[in-house]
Amino acid sequence: MNESYVDKVLIVEGKSDKNKVKKIVKGPVDIICTNGTISHTKLDEWIEFLDDKDVYILVDADEAGERLRKLFKREFPNAEHLYIDRMYREVATAPVQHLATVLLGANIDVHTEFLEMG
């Protein structure tokens, strides 16, 4: 997580998700990974850290992603949940154009060249 203040935080599942989204996103957005699961200790740290930020959840369209989404809906009720098309199943394998469109729909700045791909 960055030391400078960033008011938007995007939570993803894995490192490959983070790397893919990081190249699409333009502007100040912290991208943090759950690495598939999250401990109570880490969750408590995040609750404090994310208290005054705009939180976005972007997880896979599978069973593990839905479990994380349920947890985040409970712990971060004000978070905005972003959804990829179920046919792609995983954030890491979704086309960059699709991810850019999803992110832009949440008012997250993206590099425009990713919108033009496809």
Protein backbone atom coordinates (compact mmCIF):
# COMPACT_ATOMS: atom_id res chain seq x y z
CA MET A 1 0.00 0.00 0.00
CA ASN A 2 1.25 3.44 -0.87
CA GLU A 3 2.44 5.90 1.77
CA SER A 4 0.91 8.90 -0.02
CA TYR A 5 -2.82 9.38 0.43
CA VAL A 6 -4.99 7.69 -2.17
CA ASP A 7 -8.75 7.79 -1.75
CA LYS A 8 -9.65 4.87 -4.04
CA VAL A 9 -8.77 1.27 -3.20
CA LEU A 10 -9.47 -1.70 -5.42
CA ILE A 11 -9.44 -5.15 -3.78
CA VAL A 12 -8.66 -8.11 -6.03
CA GLU A 13 -7.95 -11.78 -5.31
CA GLY A 14 -4.54 -12.59 -6.69
CA LYS A 15 -1.26 -11.18 -7.89
CA SER A 16 -2.07 -11.90 -11.54
CA ASP A 17 -5.36 -9.98 -11.10
CA LYS A 18 -3.46 -7.08 -9.55
CA ASN A 19 -0.84 -7.00 -12.32
CA LYS A 20 -3.48 -7.05 -15.06
CA VAL A 21 -5.62 -4.34 -13.49
CA LYS A 22 -2.59 -2.21 -12.58
CA LYS A 23 -1.63 -1.74 -16.23
CA ILE A 24 -5.20 -0.71 -17.14
CA VAL A 25 -5.80 1.75 -14.29
CA LYS A 26 -4.65 5.32 -14.72
CA GLY A 27 -4.40 7.59 -11.73
CA PRO A 28 -4.16 7.16 -8.01
CA VAL A 29 -5.73 3.83 -7.03
CA ASP A 30 -4.29 1.42 -4.47
CA ILE A 31 -4.73 -2.19 -5.58
CA ILE A 32 -4.53 -4.74 -2.81
CA CYS A 33 -4.71 -8.54 -2.96
CA THR A 34 -6.47 -11.03 -0.74
CA ASN A 35 -4.38 -13.87 -2.16
CA GLY A 36 -7.58 -15.90 -2.23
CA THR A 37 -8.25 -15.75 1.50
CA ILE A 38 -7.95 -13.21 4.27
CA SER A 39 -7.15 -13.64 7.97
CA HIS A 40 -9.10 -11.91 10.74
CA THR A 41 -5.97 -9.95 11.66
CA LYS A 42 -5.47 -8.70 8.10
CA LEU A 43 -9.18 -7.92 7.78
CA ASP A 44 -9.05 -5.82 10.98
CA GLU A 45 -6.06 -3.90 9.58
CA TRP A 46 -7.90 -3.28 6.33
CA ILE A 47 -11.07 -2.10 8.11
CA GLU A 48 -9.05 0.60 9.85
CA PHE A 49 -7.01 1.51 6.73
CA LEU A 50 -10.01 1.60 4.40
CA ASP A 51 -12.34 3.51 6.72
CA ASP A 52 -12.20 6.85 4.87
CA LYS A 53 -11.61 5.53 1.35
CA ASP A 54 -13.73 4.59 -1.65
CA VAL A 55 -13.47 0.80 -1.77
CA TYR A 56 -14.09 -1.28 -4.90
CA ILE A 57 -14.25 -5.07 -4.94
CA LEU A 58 -13.27 -6.92 -8.14
CA VAL A 59 -13.10 -10.68 -7.65
CA ASP A 60 -13.49 -13.74 -9.86
CA ALA A 61 -16.93 -14.92 -10.96
CA ASP A 62 -16.55 -18.28 -9.19
CA GLU A 63 -17.34 -19.86 -5.83
CA ALA A 64 -14.21 -18.53 -4.06
CA GLY A 65 -14.87 -15.04 -5.42
CA GLU A 66 -18.46 -15.14 -4.21
CA ARG A 67 -17.33 -16.17 -0.69
CA LEU A 68 -14.96 -13.18 -0.61
CA ARG A 69 -17.69 -10.92 -1.94
CA LYS A 70 -20.05 -12.02 0.87
CA LEU A 71 -17.37 -11.31 3.47
CA PHE A 72 -16.65 -7.88 2.01
CA LYS A 73 -20.35 -7.00 1.82
CA ARG A 74 -20.53 -7.63 5.56
CA GLU A 75 -17.26 -5.93 6.53
CA PHE A 76 -17.31 -3.07 3.98
CA PRO A 77 -21.01 -2.34 3.42
CA ASN A 78 -20.25 0.86 1.51
CA ALA A 79 -17.86 -0.79 -0.95
CA GLU A 80 -18.81 -0.83 -4.61
CA HIS A 81 -18.81 -4.31 -6.12
CA LEU A 82 -17.57 -4.59 -9.68
CA TYR A 83 -18.49 -7.65 -11.71
CA ILE A 84 -16.83 -9.23 -14.72
CA ASP A 85 -18.95 -11.14 -17.18
CA ARG A 86 -19.46 -14.69 -15.86
CA MET A 87 -18.23 -16.16 -19.15
CA TYR A 88 -14.70 -14.98 -18.32
CA ARG A 89 -14.81 -16.49 -14.79
CA GLU A 90 -11.47 -14.96 -13.71
CA VAL A 91 -10.28 -11.37 -13.59
CA ALA A 92 -6.84 -12.49 -14.78
CA THR A 93 -8.24 -14.08 -17.95
CA ALA A 94 -10.86 -11.44 -18.79
CA PRO A 95 -10.01 -9.33 -21.85
CA VAL A 96 -8.41 -5.98 -20.98
CA GLN A 97 -11.11 -4.14 -22.92
CA HIS A 98 -13.79 -5.75 -20.74
CA LEU A 99 -11.92 -4.92 -17.51
CA ALA A 100 -11.31 -1.34 -18.66
CA THR A 101 -15.04 -0.92 -19.34
CA VAL A 102 -15.99 -2.35 -15.93
CA LEU A 103 -13.49 -0.06 -14.16
CA LEU A 104 -14.54 3.01 -16.14
CA GLY A 105 -18.15 2.27 -15.21
CA ALA A 106 -17.11 2.73 -11.57
CA ASN A 107 -15.46 6.09 -12.33
CA ILE A 108 -11.96 4.65 -12.10
CA ASP A 109 -9.71 6.28 -14.67
CA VAL A 110 -8.27 3.86 -17.21
CA HIS A 111 -5.79 4.18 -20.04
CA THR A 112 -8.02 4.79 -23.07
CA GLU A 113 -6.05 2.48 -25.36
CA PHE A 114 -7.52 -0.47 -23.42
CA LEU A 115 -11.05 0.68 -24.30
CA GLU A 116 -10.15 0.70 -27.99
CA MET A 117 -8.81 -2.87 -28.04
CA GLY A 118 -10.92 -5.76 -29.05
